[in-house]
Amino acid sequence: MELDQRRFAVEQVGAGCSQDAVAEALGTSQAQISRWLADAVARPRSLAVTVDELMSRKLVDDISVPELLAQLTKVKLAYVNPDKRPHSAWAKVRDAHRRGVLSDEETHQIARQTAERMVGRVNRHMALEAQLVSEAAAERSVNEATERLLETL
């Protein structure tokens, strides 16, 4: 897949490999590597992992559930009302669940992970204001947020 090659090229050149060496490893030209790098600089989000990509990889068994969950943290999946924003990342998760790409358990794990990030952000802000939140209260908040997220799917 060209996107994987682009990501590999950017990663390897960033790690200090020459464009020539990367081109040889990928079976392409140094000029192609140079174009990919220029594009990555001009449009950094063009190499970003998307929910659509991850769901496609899951559908063809190209990614394990633990890897899917790990990759979704890189997507920074956050709740946005999928009825109001049908192209949002959360709407893509809802669609994948409805199509059977994601099981109920996998969807629950994704919702919990998203809730943990949401509650964690709130708790960090509260700590900055010297308003500490107990672990029990944080856990209750995560559980409630998870259930609310699941209701939107």
C-alpha atoms as a PDB file:
ATOM      1  CA  MET A   1       0.000   0.000   0.000  1.00  0.00           C
ATOM      2  CA  GLU A   2       1.437   3.349  -1.018  1.00  0.00           C
ATOM      3  CA  LEU A   3       0.400   5.038   2.230  1.00  0.00           C
ATOM      4  CA  ASP A   4       2.461   2.504   4.190  1.00  0.00           C
ATOM      5  CA  GLN A   5       5.419   3.166   1.891  1.00  0.00           C
ATOM      6  CA  ARG A   6       5.046   6.914   2.382  1.00  0.00           C
ATOM      7  CA  ARG A   7       4.935   6.518   6.145  1.00  0.00           C
ATOM      8  CA  PHE A   8       7.959   4.215   6.052  1.00  0.00           C
ATOM      9  CA  ALA A   9       9.911   6.686   3.891  1.00  0.00           C
ATOM     10  CA  VAL A  10       9.176   9.632   6.177  1.00  0.00           C
ATOM     11  CA  GLU A  11      10.044   7.581   9.259  1.00  0.00           C
ATOM     12  CA  GLN A  12      13.314   6.259   7.811  1.00  0.00           C
ATOM     13  CA  VAL A  13      14.530   9.591   6.455  1.00  0.00           C
ATOM     14  CA  GLY A  14      13.595  11.174   9.776  1.00  0.00           C
ATOM     15  CA  ALA A  15      15.707   8.515  11.508  1.00  0.00           C
ATOM     16  CA  GLY A  16      18.711   9.466   9.378  1.00  0.00           C
ATOM     17  CA  CYS A  17      18.555   7.111   6.393  1.00  0.00           C
ATOM     18  CA  SER A  18      19.370   8.587   3.017  1.00  0.00           C
ATOM     19  CA  GLN A  19      16.645   9.035   0.439  1.00  0.00           C
ATOM     20  CA  ASP A  20      18.634   6.785  -1.894  1.00  0.00           C
ATOM     21  CA  ALA A  21      18.733   3.962   0.679  1.00  0.00           C
ATOM     22  CA  VAL A  22      15.009   4.273   1.373  1.00  0.00           C
ATOM     23  CA  ALA A  23      14.245   4.340  -2.357  1.00  0.00           C
ATOM     24  CA  GLU A  24      16.272   1.178  -2.871  1.00  0.00           C
ATOM     25  CA  ALA A  25      14.533  -0.569   0.045  1.00  0.00           C
ATOM     26  CA  LEU A  26      11.124   0.317  -1.381  1.00  0.00           C
ATOM     27  CA  GLY A  27      12.018  -0.367  -5.014  1.00  0.00           C
ATOM     28  CA  THR A  28      11.296   3.178  -6.125  1.00  0.00           C
ATOM     29  CA  SER A  29      13.298   6.254  -7.098  1.00  0.00           C
ATOM     30  CA  GLN A  30      14.963   8.850  -4.907  1.00  0.00           C
ATOM     31  CA  ALA A  31      12.854  11.452  -6.721  1.00  0.00           C
ATOM     32  CA  GLN A  32       9.674   9.656  -5.586  1.00  0.00           C
ATOM     33  CA  ILE A  33      10.933   9.646  -1.989  1.00  0.00           C
ATOM     34  CA  SER A  34      11.667  13.366  -2.299  1.00  0.00           C
ATOM     35  CA  ARG A  35       8.111  14.026  -3.570  1.00  0.00           C
ATOM     36  CA  TRP A  36       6.628  12.007  -0.704  1.00  0.00           C
ATOM     37  CA  LEU A  37       8.692  13.938   1.836  1.00  0.00           C
ATOM     38  CA  ALA A  38       7.698  17.290   0.336  1.00  0.00           C
ATOM     39  CA  ASP A  39       4.045  16.245   0.424  1.00  0.00           C
ATOM     40  CA  ALA A  40       4.366  15.137   4.068  1.00  0.00           C
ATOM     41  CA  VAL A  41       5.809  18.538   4.976  1.00  0.00           C
ATOM     42  CA  ALA A  42       3.128  20.418   3.039  1.00  0.00           C
ATOM     43  CA  ARG A  43       0.271  18.218   4.283  1.00  0.00           C
ATOM     44  CA  PRO A  44       1.313  16.481   7.520  1.00  0.00           C
ATOM     45  CA  ARG A  45      -2.180  15.070   8.143  1.00  0.00           C
ATOM     46  CA  SER A  46      -1.978  13.170   4.846  1.00  0.00           C
ATOM     47  CA  LEU A  47      -0.035  10.437   6.658  1.00  0.00           C
ATOM     48  CA  ALA A  48      -2.310  10.315   9.684  1.00  0.00           C
ATOM     49  CA  VAL A  49      -4.019   7.072  10.583  1.00  0.00           C
ATOM     50  CA  THR A  50      -7.798   7.331  10.144  1.00  0.00           C
ATOM     51  CA  VAL A  51     -10.705   5.411  11.610  1.00  0.00           C
ATOM     52  CA  ASP A  52     -11.698   4.365   8.071  1.00  0.00           C
ATOM     53  CA  GLU A  53      -8.248   2.906   7.468  1.00  0.00           C
ATOM     54  CA  LEU A  54      -8.261   1.026  10.764  1.00  0.00           C
ATOM     55  CA  MET A  55     -11.739  -0.397  10.179  1.00  0.00           C
ATOM     56  CA  SER A  56     -10.730  -1.548   6.700  1.00  0.00           C
ATOM     57  CA  ARG A  57      -7.648  -3.249   8.131  1.00  0.00           C
ATOM     58  CA  LYS A  58      -9.820  -4.900  10.808  1.00  0.00           C
ATOM     59  CA  LEU A  59     -12.291  -6.080   8.199  1.00  0.00           C
ATOM     60  CA  VAL A  60      -9.565  -7.954   6.306  1.00  0.00           C
ATOM     61  CA  ASP A  61      -7.896  -9.248   9.494  1.00  0.00           C
ATOM     62  CA  ASP A  62      -4.820  -7.100   8.921  1.00  0.00           C
ATOM     63  CA  ILE A  63      -4.855  -5.737  12.474  1.00  0.00           C
ATOM     64  CA  SER A  64      -5.427  -7.304  15.885  1.00  0.00           C
ATOM     65  CA  VAL A  65      -7.875  -5.839  18.386  1.00  0.00           C
ATOM     66  CA  PRO A  66      -5.087  -4.707  20.776  1.00  0.00           C
ATOM     67  CA  GLU A  67      -3.309  -2.995  17.869  1.00  0.00           C
ATOM     68  CA  LEU A  68      -6.594  -1.446  16.725  1.00  0.00           C
ATOM     69  CA  LEU A  69      -7.144   0.010  20.193  1.00  0.00           C
ATOM     70  CA  ALA A  70      -3.562   1.280  20.322  1.00  0.00           C
ATOM     71  CA  GLN A  71      -3.904   2.900  16.893  1.00  0.00           C
ATOM     72  CA  LEU A  72      -7.190   4.548  17.856  1.00  0.00           C
ATOM     73  CA  THR A  73      -5.333   6.437  20.607  1.00  0.00           C
ATOM     74  CA  LYS A  74      -3.179   7.945  17.857  1.00  0.00           C
ATOM     75  CA  VAL A  75      -6.334   9.011  16.031  1.00  0.00           C
ATOM     76  CA  LYS A  76      -7.305  10.819  19.243  1.00  0.00           C
ATOM     77  CA  LEU A  77     -10.796   9.520  18.963  1.00  0.00           C
ATOM     78  CA  ALA A  78     -13.185  11.808  20.796  1.00  0.00           C
ATOM     79  CA  TYR A  79     -16.929  12.014  21.050  1.00  0.00           C
ATOM     80  CA  VAL A  80     -18.758  14.231  18.599  1.00  0.00           C
ATOM     81  CA  ASN A  81     -22.489  13.734  18.087  1.00  0.00           C
ATOM     82  CA  PRO A  82     -22.530  11.394  15.068  1.00  0.00           C
ATOM     83  CA  ASP A  83     -25.990  12.601  14.008  1.00  0.00           C
ATOM     84  CA  LYS A  84     -24.746  16.188  13.758  1.00  0.00           C
ATOM     85  CA  ARG A  85     -21.280  15.305  12.382  1.00  0.00           C
ATOM     86  CA  PRO A  86     -21.767  12.178  10.225  1.00  0.00           C
ATOM     87  CA  HIS A  87     -18.161  12.259   8.967  1.00  0.00           C
ATOM     88  CA  SER A  88     -16.586  12.486  12.414  1.00  0.00           C
ATOM     89  CA  ALA A  89     -14.319   9.772  13.765  1.00  0.00           C
ATOM     90  CA  TRP A  90     -16.990   8.792  16.297  1.00  0.00           C
ATOM     91  CA  ALA A  91     -19.569   8.421  13.511  1.00  0.00           C
ATOM     92  CA  LYS A  92     -17.109   6.118  11.717  1.00  0.00           C
ATOM     93  CA  VAL A  93     -16.897   3.933  14.845  1.00  0.00           C
ATOM     94  CA  ARG A  94     -20.698   3.864  15.049  1.00  0.00           C
ATOM     95  CA  ASP A  95     -20.942   2.850  11.401  1.00  0.00           C
ATOM     96  CA  ALA A  96     -18.321   0.113  11.827  1.00  0.00           C
ATOM     97  CA  HIS A  97     -20.245  -1.268  14.807  1.00  0.00           C
ATOM     98  CA  ARG A  98     -23.553  -1.189  12.930  1.00  0.00           C
ATOM     99  CA  ARG A  99     -21.973  -2.989   9.944  1.00  0.00           C
ATOM    100  CA  GLY A 100     -20.564  -5.690  12.221  1.00  0.00           C
ATOM    101  CA  VAL A 101     -16.913  -4.761  11.688  1.00  0.00           C
ATOM    102  CA  LEU A 102     -16.672  -4.133  15.429  1.00  0.00           C
ATOM    103  CA  SER A 103     -18.190  -6.508  17.965  1.00  0.00           C
ATOM    104  CA  ASP A 104     -20.103  -5.245  20.983  1.00  0.00           C
ATOM    105  CA  GLU A 105     -17.092  -6.034  23.190  1.00  0.00           C
ATOM    106  CA  GLU A 106     -14.653  -4.214  20.897  1.00  0.00           C
ATOM    107  CA  THR A 107     -16.981  -1.236  20.712  1.00  0.00           C
ATOM    108  CA  HIS A 108     -17.252  -1.234  24.501  1.00  0.00           C
ATOM    109  CA  GLN A 109     -13.448  -1.218  24.779  1.00  0.00           C
ATOM    110  CA  ILE A 110     -13.228   1.707  22.346  1.00  0.00           C
ATOM    111  CA  ALA A 111     -15.916   3.630  24.245  1.00  0.00           C
ATOM    112  CA  ARG A 112     -14.160   2.955  27.574  1.00  0.00           C
ATOM    113  CA  GLN A 113     -10.807   4.058  26.184  1.00  0.00           C
ATOM    114  CA  THR A 114     -12.392   7.240  24.821  1.00  0.00           C
ATOM    115  CA  ALA A 115     -14.149   7.894  28.143  1.00  0.00           C
ATOM    116  CA  GLU A 116     -10.870   7.417  30.037  1.00  0.00           C
ATOM    117  CA  ARG A 117      -9.209  10.066  27.856  1.00  0.00           C
ATOM    118  CA  MET A 118     -12.134  12.460  28.276  1.00  0.00           C
ATOM    119  CA  VAL A 119     -12.292  12.070  32.057  1.00  0.00           C
ATOM    120  CA  GLY A 120      -8.501  12.195  32.296  1.00  0.00           C
ATOM    121  CA  ARG A 121      -8.439  15.587  30.565  1.00  0.00           C
ATOM    122  CA  VAL A 122     -11.072  16.955  32.953  1.00  0.00           C
ATOM    123  CA  ASN A 123      -9.235  15.582  35.971  1.00  0.00           C
ATOM    124  CA  ARG A 124      -5.928  17.117  34.851  1.00  0.00           C
ATOM    125  CA  HIS A 125      -7.608  20.506  34.546  1.00  0.00           C
ATOM    126  CA  MET A 126      -9.171  20.113  37.973  1.00  0.00           C
ATOM    127  CA  ALA A 127      -5.786  19.200  39.452  1.00  0.00           C
ATOM    128  CA  LEU A 128      -4.363  22.418  38.010  1.00  0.00           C
ATOM    129  CA  GLU A 129      -7.037  24.243  39.994  1.00  0.00           C
ATOM    130  CA  ALA A 130      -6.063  22.264  43.112  1.00  0.00           C
ATOM    131  CA  GLN A 131      -9.355  20.355  43.012  1.00  0.00           C
ATOM    132  CA  LEU A 132      -8.244  16.758  43.189  1.00  0.00           C
ATOM    133  CA  VAL A 133     -10.644  13.994  42.156  1.00  0.00           C
ATOM    134  CA  SER A 134     -10.630  10.707  44.043  1.00  0.00           C
ATOM    135  CA  GLU A 135      -9.918   7.488  42.152  1.00  0.00           C
ATOM    136  CA  ALA A 136     -13.399   6.219  43.004  1.00  0.00           C
ATOM    137  CA  ALA A 137     -15.020   9.376  41.604  1.00  0.00           C
ATOM    138  CA  ALA A 138     -12.853   9.189  38.489  1.00  0.00           C
ATOM    139  CA  GLU A 139     -13.827   5.540  37.951  1.00  0.00           C
ATOM    140  CA  ARG A 140     -17.522   6.406  38.336  1.00  0.00           C
ATOM    141  CA  SER A 141     -17.093   9.198  35.796  1.00  0.00           C
ATOM    142  CA  VAL A 142     -15.390   6.845  33.337  1.00  0.00           C
ATOM    143  CA  ASN A 143     -18.158   4.260  33.744  1.00  0.00           C
ATOM    144  CA  GLU A 144     -20.885   6.875  33.240  1.00  0.00           C
ATOM    145  CA  ALA A 145     -19.139   8.385  30.221  1.00  0.00           C
ATOM    146  CA  THR A 146     -18.631   4.932  28.698  1.00  0.00           C
ATOM    147  CA  GLU A 147     -22.337   4.164  29.019  1.00  0.00           C
ATOM    148  CA  ARG A 148     -23.295   7.516  27.512  1.00  0.00           C
ATOM    149  CA  LEU A 149     -20.919   6.956  24.598  1.00  0.00           C
ATOM    150  CA  LEU A 150     -22.353   3.509  23.976  1.00  0.00           C
ATOM    151  CA  GLU A 151     -25.865   4.984  23.933  1.00  0.00           C
ATOM    152  CA  THR A 152     -24.877   7.129  20.948  1.00  0.00           C
ATOM    153  CA  LEU A 153     -23.928   4.093  18.914  1.00  0.00           C
END
